[in-house]
PDB file of N, CA and C in Angstrom:
ATOM      1  N   LEU A   1       0.826  -1.200   0.023  1.00  0.00           N
ATOM      2  CA  LEU A   1       0.014   0.014  -0.024  1.00  0.00           C
ATOM      3  C   LEU A   1       0.864   1.257   0.003  1.00  0.00           C
ATOM      4  N   ASN A   2       0.498   2.186  -0.807  1.00  0.00           N
ATOM      5  CA  ASN A   2       1.149   3.454  -0.876  1.00  0.00           C
ATOM      6  C   ASN A   2       0.182   4.584  -0.533  1.00  0.00           C
ATOM      7  N   PRO A   3       0.051   4.899   0.732  1.00  0.00           N
ATOM      8  CA  PRO A   3      -0.945   5.961   1.087  1.00  0.00           C
ATOM      9  C   PRO A   3      -0.448   7.321   0.544  1.00  0.00           C
ATOM     10  N   PHE A   4      -1.410   8.145   0.209  1.00  0.00           N
ATOM     11  CA  PHE A   4      -1.085   9.468  -0.266  1.00  0.00           C
ATOM     12  C   PHE A   4      -2.211  10.404   0.108  1.00  0.00           C
ATOM     13  N   ASN A   5      -1.958  11.673   0.121  1.00  0.00           N
ATOM     14  CA  ASN A   5      -2.974  12.689   0.441  1.00  0.00           C
ATOM     15  C   ASN A   5      -3.295  13.455  -0.807  1.00  0.00           C
ATOM     16  N   VAL A   6      -4.590  13.816  -0.910  1.00  0.00           N
ATOM     17  CA  VAL A   6      -5.015  14.661  -2.008  1.00  0.00           C
ATOM     18  C   VAL A   6      -5.684  15.920  -1.394  1.00  0.00           C
ATOM     19  N   TYR A   7      -5.286  17.057  -1.890  1.00  0.00           N
ATOM     20  CA  TYR A   7      -5.851  18.300  -1.411  1.00  0.00           C
ATOM     21  C   TYR A   7      -6.533  19.020  -2.563  1.00  0.00           C
ATOM     22  N   VAL A   8      -7.730  19.500  -2.311  1.00  0.00           N
ATOM     23  CA  VAL A   8      -8.475  20.230  -3.309  1.00  0.00           C
ATOM     24  C   VAL A   8      -8.693  21.638  -2.846  1.00  0.00           C
ATOM     25  N   SER A   9      -8.405  22.583  -3.696  1.00  0.00           N
ATOM     26  CA  SER A   9      -8.596  23.990  -3.306  1.00  0.00           C
ATOM     27  C   SER A   9      -9.831  24.558  -4.009  1.00  0.00           C
ATOM     28  N   GLN A  10     -10.167  25.784  -3.665  1.00  0.00           N
ATOM     29  CA  GLN A  10     -11.293  26.462  -4.292  1.00  0.00           C
ATOM     30  C   GLN A  10     -10.966  26.704  -5.757  1.00  0.00           C
ATOM     31  N   PRO A  11     -11.987  26.677  -6.629  1.00  0.00           N
ATOM     32  CA  PRO A  11     -11.732  26.936  -8.044  1.00  0.00           C
ATOM     33  C   PRO A  11     -11.291  28.400  -8.255  1.00  0.00           C
ATOM     34  N   ASN A  12     -10.523  28.572  -9.270  1.00  0.00           N
ATOM     35  CA  ASN A  12     -10.031  29.906  -9.617  1.00  0.00           C
ATOM     36  C   ASN A  12     -10.858  30.363 -10.792  1.00  0.00           C
ATOM     37  N   ILE A  13     -11.745  31.309 -10.623  1.00  0.00           N
ATOM     38  CA  ILE A  13     -12.614  31.769 -11.683  1.00  0.00           C
ATOM     39  C   ILE A  13     -11.897  32.845 -12.454  1.00  0.00           C
ATOM     40  N   ARG A  14     -11.800  32.606 -13.788  1.00  0.00           N
ATOM     41  CA  ARG A  14     -11.160  33.549 -14.675  1.00  0.00           C
ATOM     42  C   ARG A  14     -12.102  33.824 -15.869  1.00  0.00           C
ATOM     43  N   PRO A  15     -12.150  35.070 -16.323  1.00  0.00           N
ATOM     44  CA  PRO A  15     -12.972  35.312 -17.515  1.00  0.00           C
ATOM     45  C   PRO A  15     -12.390  34.579 -18.693  1.00  0.00           C
ATOM     46  N   GLY A  16     -13.252  34.041 -19.568  1.00  0.00           N
ATOM     47  CA  GLY A  16     -12.791  33.329 -20.716  1.00  0.00           C
ATOM     48  C   GLY A  16     -13.698  33.590 -21.907  1.00  0.00           C
ATOM     49  N   CYS A  17     -13.355  32.949 -22.991  1.00  0.00           N
ATOM     50  CA  CYS A  17     -14.081  33.097 -24.230  1.00  0.00           C
ATOM     51  C   CYS A  17     -14.236  31.773 -24.902  1.00  0.00           C
ATOM     52  N   VAL A  18     -15.420  31.510 -25.434  1.00  0.00           N
ATOM     53  CA  VAL A  18     -15.693  30.303 -26.204  1.00  0.00           C
ATOM     54  C   VAL A  18     -15.630  30.719 -27.672  1.00  0.00           C
ATOM     55  N   ILE A  19     -14.924  29.928 -28.483  1.00  0.00           N
ATOM     56  CA  ILE A  19     -14.758  30.280 -29.892  1.00  0.00           C
ATOM     57  C   ILE A  19     -15.672  29.381 -30.701  1.00  0.00           C
ATOM     58  N   ARG A  20     -16.448  29.985 -31.606  1.00  0.00           N
ATOM     59  CA  ARG A  20     -17.273  29.216 -32.492  1.00  0.00           C
ATOM     60  C   ARG A  20     -16.415  28.517 -33.525  1.00  0.00           C
ATOM     61  N   GLN A  21     -16.964  27.410 -33.991  1.00  0.00           N
ATOM     62  CA  GLN A  21     -16.154  26.539 -34.920  1.00  0.00           C
ATOM     63  C   GLN A  21     -15.727  27.305 -36.180  1.00  0.00           C
ATOM     64  N   ASN A  22     -16.538  28.200 -36.654  1.00  0.00           N
ATOM     65  CA  ASN A  22     -16.157  28.941 -37.880  1.00  0.00           C
ATOM     66  C   ASN A  22     -15.038  29.968 -37.639  1.00  0.00           C
ATOM     67  N   ASN A  23     -14.645  30.153 -36.362  1.00  0.00           N
ATOM     68  CA  ASN A  23     -13.488  31.046 -36.055  1.00  0.00           C
ATOM     69  C   ASN A  23     -12.252  30.312 -35.621  1.00  0.00           C
ATOM     70  N   TRP A  24     -12.267  29.007 -35.693  1.00  0.00           N
ATOM     71  CA  TRP A  24     -11.091  28.207 -35.295  1.00  0.00           C
ATOM     72  C   TRP A  24      -9.877  28.540 -36.146  1.00  0.00           C
ATOM     73  N   ALA A  25     -10.089  29.013 -37.332  1.00  0.00           N
ATOM     74  CA  ALA A  25      -8.970  29.316 -38.268  1.00  0.00           C
ATOM     75  C   ALA A  25      -8.063  30.403 -37.640  1.00  0.00           C
ATOM     76  N   ILE A  26      -8.625  31.265 -36.816  1.00  0.00           N
ATOM     77  CA  ILE A  26      -7.841  32.311 -36.134  1.00  0.00           C
ATOM     78  C   ILE A  26      -6.801  31.631 -35.263  1.00  0.00           C
ATOM     79  N   LEU A  27      -7.208  30.597 -34.542  1.00  0.00           N
ATOM     80  CA  LEU A  27      -6.258  29.883 -33.681  1.00  0.00           C
ATOM     81  C   LEU A  27      -5.185  29.152 -34.486  1.00  0.00           C
ATOM     82  N   GLU A  28      -5.620  28.581 -35.624  1.00  0.00           N
ATOM     83  CA  GLU A  28      -4.645  27.851 -36.464  1.00  0.00           C
ATOM     84  C   GLU A  28      -3.672  28.820 -37.132  1.00  0.00           C
ATOM     85  N   ASN A  29      -4.185  29.974 -37.613  1.00  0.00           N
ATOM     86  CA  ASN A  29      -3.284  30.945 -38.265  1.00  0.00           C
ATOM     87  C   ASN A  29      -2.244  31.517 -37.329  1.00  0.00           C
ATOM     88  N   LYS A  30      -2.617  31.683 -36.078  1.00  0.00           N
ATOM     89  CA  LYS A  30      -1.663  32.170 -35.052  1.00  0.00           C
ATOM     90  C   LYS A  30      -0.812  31.020 -34.493  1.00  0.00           C
ATOM     91  N   LYS A  31      -0.998  29.821 -35.001  1.00  0.00           N
ATOM     92  CA  LYS A  31      -0.260  28.629 -34.590  1.00  0.00           C
ATOM     93  C   LYS A  31      -0.413  28.369 -33.106  1.00  0.00           C
ATOM     94  N   LEU A  32      -1.640  28.611 -32.629  1.00  0.00           N
ATOM     95  CA  LEU A  32      -1.979  28.345 -31.198  1.00  0.00           C
ATOM     96  C   LEU A  32      -2.538  26.906 -31.011  1.00  0.00           C
ATOM     97  N   VAL A  33      -3.085  26.330 -32.106  1.00  0.00           N
ATOM     98  CA  VAL A  33      -3.529  24.941 -32.063  1.00  0.00           C
ATOM     99  C   VAL A  33      -3.058  24.280 -33.366  1.00  0.00           C
ATOM    100  N   THR A  34      -2.877  22.971 -33.320  1.00  0.00           N
ATOM    101  CA  THR A  34      -2.465  22.253 -34.490  1.00  0.00           C
ATOM    102  C   THR A  34      -3.654  21.644 -35.210  1.00  0.00           C
ATOM    103  N   SER A  35      -3.458  21.187 -36.446  1.00  0.00           N
ATOM    104  CA  SER A  35      -4.553  20.599 -37.169  1.00  0.00           C
ATOM    105  C   SER A  35      -5.032  19.309 -36.495  1.00  0.00           C
ATOM    106  N   ASP A  36      -4.114  18.615 -35.824  1.00  0.00           N
ATOM    107  CA  ASP A  36      -4.515  17.399 -35.059  1.00  0.00           C
ATOM    108  C   ASP A  36      -5.444  17.786 -33.911  1.00  0.00           C
ATOM    109  N   GLN A  37      -5.129  18.850 -33.200  1.00  0.00           N
ATOM    110  CA  GLN A  37      -5.980  19.307 -32.113  1.00  0.00           C
ATOM    111  C   GLN A  37      -7.363  19.694 -32.617  1.00  0.00           C
ATOM    112  N   VAL A  38      -7.361  20.388 -33.755  1.00  0.00           N
ATOM    113  CA  VAL A  38      -8.658  20.798 -34.337  1.00  0.00           C
ATOM    114  C   VAL A  38      -9.474  19.574 -34.706  1.00  0.00           C
ATOM    115  N   ARG A  39      -8.842  18.587 -35.366  1.00  0.00           N
ATOM    116  CA  ARG A  39      -9.529  17.386 -35.766  1.00  0.00           C
ATOM    117  C   ARG A  39     -10.112  16.636 -34.559  1.00  0.00           C
ATOM    118  N   GLU A  40      -9.282  16.486 -33.553  1.00  0.00           N
ATOM    119  CA  GLU A  40      -9.754  15.811 -32.325  1.00  0.00           C
ATOM    120  C   GLU A  40     -10.918  16.486 -31.622  1.00  0.00           C
ATOM    121  N   CYS A  41     -10.831  17.800 -31.525  1.00  0.00           N
ATOM    122  CA  CYS A  41     -11.884  18.595 -30.902  1.00  0.00           C
ATOM    123  C   CYS A  41     -13.187  18.520 -31.705  1.00  0.00           C
ATOM    124  N   LYS A  42     -13.022  18.589 -33.023  1.00  0.00           N
ATOM    125  CA  LYS A  42     -14.189  18.499 -33.923  1.00  0.00           C
ATOM    126  C   LYS A  42     -14.840  17.139 -33.860  1.00  0.00           C
ATOM    127  N   ASN A  43     -14.039  16.074 -33.843  1.00  0.00           N
ATOM    128  CA  ASN A  43     -14.584  14.724 -33.758  1.00  0.00           C
ATOM    129  C   ASN A  43     -15.350  14.471 -32.494  1.00  0.00           C
ATOM    130  N   ARG A  44     -15.014  15.154 -31.412  1.00  0.00           N
ATOM    131  CA  ARG A  44     -15.710  15.001 -30.179  1.00  0.00           C
ATOM    132  C   ARG A  44     -16.886  15.947 -30.049  1.00  0.00           C
ATOM    133  N   LEU A  45     -17.170  16.665 -31.114  1.00  0.00           N
ATOM    134  CA  LEU A  45     -18.256  17.662 -31.180  1.00  0.00           C
ATOM    135  C   LEU A  45     -18.111  18.718 -30.065  1.00  0.00           C
ATOM    136  N   ASN A  46     -16.903  19.129 -29.802  1.00  0.00           N
ATOM    137  CA  ASN A  46     -16.587  20.141 -28.799  1.00  0.00           C
ATOM    138  C   ASN A  46     -16.202  21.449 -29.493  1.00  0.00           C
ATOM    139  N   THR A  47     -15.794  22.400 -28.740  1.00  0.00           N
ATOM    140  CA  THR A  47     -15.311  23.652 -29.304  1.00  0.00           C
ATOM    141  C   THR A  47     -14.122  24.124 -28.459  1.00  0.00           C
ATOM    142  N   PHE A  48     -13.425  25.136 -28.906  1.00  0.00           N
ATOM    143  CA  PHE A  48     -12.311  25.661 -28.164  1.00  0.00           C
ATOM    144  C   PHE A  48     -12.729  26.831 -27.299  1.00  0.00           C
ATOM    145  N   GLY A  49     -12.114  26.925 -26.157  1.00  0.00           N
ATOM    146  CA  GLY A  49     -12.272  28.068 -25.256  1.00  0.00           C
ATOM    147  C   GLY A  49     -10.922  28.492 -24.765  1.00  0.00           C
ATOM    148  N   PHE A  50     -10.777  29.751 -24.373  1.00  0.00           N
ATOM    149  CA  PHE A  50      -9.477  30.205 -23.891  1.00  0.00           C
ATOM    150  C   PHE A  50      -9.643  31.223 -22.786  1.00  0.00           C
ATOM    151  N   THR A  51      -8.616  31.317 -21.986  1.00  0.00           N
ATOM    152  CA  THR A  51      -8.512  32.393 -21.003  1.00  0.00           C
ATOM    153  C   THR A  51      -7.178  33.120 -21.288  1.00  0.00           C
ATOM    154  N   GLY A  52      -7.167  34.360 -20.947  1.00  0.00           N
ATOM    155  CA  GLY A  52      -5.978  35.143 -21.206  1.00  0.00           C
ATOM    156  C   GLY A  52      -6.073  35.862 -22.548  1.00  0.00           C
ATOM    157  N   ASN A  53      -4.979  36.369 -23.008  1.00  0.00           N
ATOM    158  CA  ASN A  53      -4.936  37.134 -24.242  1.00  0.00           C
ATOM    159  C   ASN A  53      -4.300  36.252 -25.310  1.00  0.00           C
ATOM    160  N   LEU A  54      -4.976  36.176 -26.474  1.00  0.00           N
ATOM    161  CA  LEU A  54      -4.428  35.352 -27.562  1.00  0.00           C
ATOM    162  C   LEU A  54      -3.095  35.882 -28.107  1.00  0.00           C
ATOM    163  N   ASP A  55      -2.842  37.157 -27.889  1.00  0.00           N
ATOM    164  CA  ASP A  55      -1.598  37.761 -28.375  1.00  0.00           C
ATOM    165  C   ASP A  55      -0.469  37.650 -27.362  1.00  0.00           C
ATOM    166  N   SER A  56      -0.794  37.094 -26.203  1.00  0.00           N
ATOM    167  CA  SER A  56       0.276  36.953 -25.196  1.00  0.00           C
ATOM    168  C   SER A  56       1.142  35.701 -25.509  1.00  0.00           C
ATOM    169  N   GLU A  57       2.141  35.480 -24.709  1.00  0.00           N
ATOM    170  CA  GLU A  57       3.052  34.401 -24.983  1.00  0.00           C
ATOM    171  C   GLU A  57       2.422  33.018 -24.831  1.00  0.00           C
ATOM    172  N   LYS A  58       1.556  32.815 -23.810  1.00  0.00           N
ATOM    173  CA  LYS A  58       1.001  31.503 -23.574  1.00  0.00           C
ATOM    174  C   LYS A  58      -0.471  31.616 -23.111  1.00  0.00           C
ATOM    175  N   PRO A  59      -1.407  31.784 -24.071  1.00  0.00           N
ATOM    176  CA  PRO A  59      -2.842  31.765 -23.632  1.00  0.00           C
ATOM    177  C   PRO A  59      -3.231  30.346 -23.296  1.00  0.00           C
ATOM    178  N   ASP A  60      -4.184  30.163 -22.415  1.00  0.00           N
ATOM    179  CA  ASP A  60      -4.634  28.836 -22.012  1.00  0.00           C
ATOM    180  C   ASP A  60      -5.800  28.448 -22.911  1.00  0.00           C
ATOM    181  N   ILE A  61      -5.579  27.599 -23.912  1.00  0.00           N
ATOM    182  CA  ILE A  61      -6.555  27.204 -24.908  1.00  0.00           C
ATOM    183  C   ILE A  61      -6.878  25.719 -24.681  1.00  0.00           C
ATOM    184  N   ARG A  62      -8.151  25.420 -24.584  1.00  0.00           N
ATOM    185  CA  ARG A  62      -8.559  24.030 -24.364  1.00  0.00           C
ATOM    186  C   ARG A  62      -9.779  23.672 -25.193  1.00  0.00           C
ATOM    187  N   CYS A  63      -9.860  22.403 -25.529  1.00  0.00           N
ATOM    188  CA  CYS A  63     -11.054  21.839 -26.188  1.00  0.00           C
ATOM    189  C   CYS A  63     -12.070  21.590 -25.093  1.00  0.00           C
ATOM    190  N   ILE A  64     -13.217  22.254 -25.168  1.00  0.00           N
ATOM    191  CA  ILE A  64     -14.183  22.218 -24.072  1.00  0.00           C
ATOM    192  C   ILE A  64     -15.526  21.722 -24.563  1.00  0.00           C
ATOM    193  N   TYR A  65     -16.328  21.265 -23.610  1.00  0.00           N
ATOM    194  CA  TYR A  65     -17.674  20.809 -23.862  1.00  0.00           C
ATOM    195  C   TYR A  65     -18.645  21.704 -23.100  1.00  0.00           C
ATOM    196  N   GLN A  66     -19.580  22.266 -23.801  1.00  0.00           N
ATOM    197  CA  GLN A  66     -20.571  23.159 -23.124  1.00  0.00           C
ATOM    198  C   GLN A  66     -21.694  22.301 -22.545  1.00  0.00           C
ATOM    199  N   ASN A  67     -21.968  22.505 -21.261  1.00  0.00           N
ATOM    200  CA  ASN A  67     -22.946  21.753 -20.572  1.00  0.00           C
ATOM    201  C   ASN A  67     -23.856  22.704 -19.810  1.00  0.00           C
ATOM    202  N   GLU A  68     -25.107  22.844 -20.261  1.00  0.00           N
ATOM    203  CA  GLU A  68     -26.047  23.729 -19.624  1.00  0.00           C
ATOM    204  C   GLU A  68     -26.603  23.133 -18.332  1.00  0.00           C
ATOM    205  N   ALA A  69     -26.550  21.835 -18.160  1.00  0.00           N
ATOM    206  CA  ALA A  69     -27.143  21.159 -17.018  1.00  0.00           C
ATOM    207  C   ALA A  69     -26.440  21.559 -15.711  1.00  0.00           C
ATOM    208  N   GLY A  70     -25.151  21.876 -15.830  1.00  0.00           N
ATOM    209  CA  GLY A  70     -24.425  22.238 -14.640  1.00  0.00           C
ATOM    210  C   GLY A  70     -24.769  23.609 -14.071  1.00  0.00           C
ATOM    211  N   GLN A  71     -25.403  24.445 -14.860  1.00  0.00           N
ATOM    212  CA  GLN A  71     -25.690  25.857 -14.444  1.00  0.00           C
ATOM    213  C   GLN A  71     -24.375  26.482 -13.994  1.00  0.00           C
ATOM    214  N   ASN A  72     -24.482  27.464 -13.125  1.00  0.00           N
ATOM    215  CA  ASN A  72     -23.289  28.110 -12.638  1.00  0.00           C
ATOM    216  C   ASN A  72     -23.196  27.905 -11.126  1.00  0.00           C
ATOM    217  N   PHE A  73     -22.572  26.816 -10.724  1.00  0.00           N
ATOM    218  CA  PHE A  73     -22.481  26.488  -9.289  1.00  0.00           C
ATOM    219  C   PHE A  73     -21.627  27.443  -8.534  1.00  0.00           C
ATOM    220  N   PHE A  74     -20.745  28.143  -9.230  1.00  0.00           N
ATOM    221  CA  PHE A  74     -19.849  29.099  -8.507  1.00  0.00           C
ATOM    222  C   PHE A  74     -20.663  30.239  -7.852  1.00  0.00           C
ATOM    223  N   LEU A  75     -21.745  30.670  -8.561  1.00  0.00           N
ATOM    224  CA  LEU A  75     -22.530  31.764  -8.044  1.00  0.00           C
ATOM    225  C   LEU A  75     -23.489  31.359  -6.963  1.00  0.00           C
ATOM    226  N   SER A  76     -23.768  30.063  -6.824  1.00  0.00           N
ATOM    227  CA  SER A  76     -24.696  29.607  -5.758  1.00  0.00           C
ATOM    228  C   SER A  76     -23.961  29.251  -4.477  1.00  0.00           C
ATOM    229  N   GLN A  77     -22.654  29.427  -4.457  1.00  0.00           N
ATOM    230  CA  GLN A  77     -21.893  29.126  -3.243  1.00  0.00           C
ATOM    231  C   GLN A  77     -21.994  30.275  -2.263  1.00  0.00           C
ATOM    232  N   PRO A  78     -21.988  30.008  -0.955  1.00  0.00           N
ATOM    233  CA  PRO A  78     -22.036  31.083   0.033  1.00  0.00           C
ATOM    234  C   PRO A  78     -20.860  31.997  -0.156  1.00  0.00           C
ATOM    235  N   GLY A  79     -21.118  33.300  -0.107  1.00  0.00           N
ATOM    236  CA  GLY A  79     -20.055  34.246  -0.248  1.00  0.00           C
ATOM    237  C   GLY A  79     -19.739  34.627  -1.713  1.00  0.00           C
ATOM    238  N   ALA A  80     -20.351  33.983  -2.672  1.00  0.00           N
ATOM    239  CA  ALA A  80     -20.106  34.316  -4.081  1.00  0.00           C
ATOM    240  C   ALA A  80     -20.779  35.630  -4.430  1.00  0.00           C
ATOM    241  N   VAL A  81     -20.181  36.332  -5.335  1.00  0.00           N
ATOM    242  CA  VAL A  81     -20.710  37.615  -5.780  1.00  0.00           C
ATOM    243  C   VAL A  81     -21.367  37.440  -7.121  1.00  0.00           C
ATOM    244  N   ALA A  82     -22.568  37.984  -7.261  1.00  0.00           N
ATOM    245  CA  ALA A  82     -23.293  37.887  -8.531  1.00  0.00           C
ATOM    246  C   ALA A  82     -22.638  38.764  -9.577  1.00  0.00           C
ATOM    247  N   PRO A  83     -22.701  38.346 -10.875  1.00  0.00           N
ATOM    248  CA  PRO A  83     -22.099  39.167 -11.927  1.00  0.00           C
ATOM    249  C   PRO A  83     -22.900  40.419 -12.153  1.00  0.00           C
ATOM    250  N   ASN A  84     -22.264  41.396 -12.795  1.00  0.00           N
ATOM    251  CA  ASN A  84     -22.969  42.635 -13.141  1.00  0.00           C
ATOM    252  C   ASN A  84     -24.142  42.327 -14.074  1.00  0.00           C
ATOM    253  N   GLN A  85     -25.167  43.155 -13.972  1.00  0.00           N
ATOM    254  CA  GLN A  85     -26.345  42.921 -14.818  1.00  0.00           C
ATOM    255  C   GLN A  85     -26.061  43.062 -16.328  1.00  0.00           C
ATOM    256  N   GLU A  86     -24.998  43.821 -16.635  1.00  0.00           N
ATOM    257  CA  GLU A  86     -24.667  43.980 -18.065  1.00  0.00           C
ATOM    258  C   GLU A  86     -24.246  42.658 -18.727  1.00  0.00           C
ATOM    259  N   THR A  87     -23.877  41.649 -17.907  1.00  0.00           N
ATOM    260  CA  THR A  87     -23.469  40.355 -18.516  1.00  0.00           C
ATOM    261  C   THR A  87     -24.710  39.614 -19.047  1.00  0.00           C
ATOM    262  N   ASP A  88     -25.895  40.023 -18.676  1.00  0.00           N
ATOM    263  CA  ASP A  88     -27.105  39.353 -19.158  1.00  0.00           C
ATOM    264  C   ASP A  88     -27.385  39.708 -20.624  1.00  0.00           C
ATOM    265  N   ARG A  89     -26.723  40.715 -21.139  1.00  0.00           N
ATOM    266  CA  ARG A  89     -26.996  41.168 -22.530  1.00  0.00           C
ATOM    267  C   ARG A  89     -26.357  40.285 -23.577  1.00  0.00           C
ATOM    268  N   PHE A  90     -25.484  39.355 -23.182  1.00  0.00           N
ATOM    269  CA  PHE A  90     -24.768  38.550 -24.146  1.00  0.00           C
ATOM    270  C   PHE A  90     -25.491  37.274 -24.409  1.00  0.00           C
TER     271      PHE A  90
END
């Protein structure tokens, strides 16, 4: 037996952006994703999302799956702050 400890911290909420499939070429042209990554993401019927600035040295780009069933659990936690009302316009 090899006992080990696992520690989980609070999630780090960062603003991000979801990219529609017809805009994936922007990521490819900037050489931020490879054609293999695009093919894999497309085959899984997912899309790309990123945090940070695409023009920075290392933006965080991931193939993501949108799930409406999860709602936004971060806002329902005690002590969470609701977003500005202007975010409802999007």
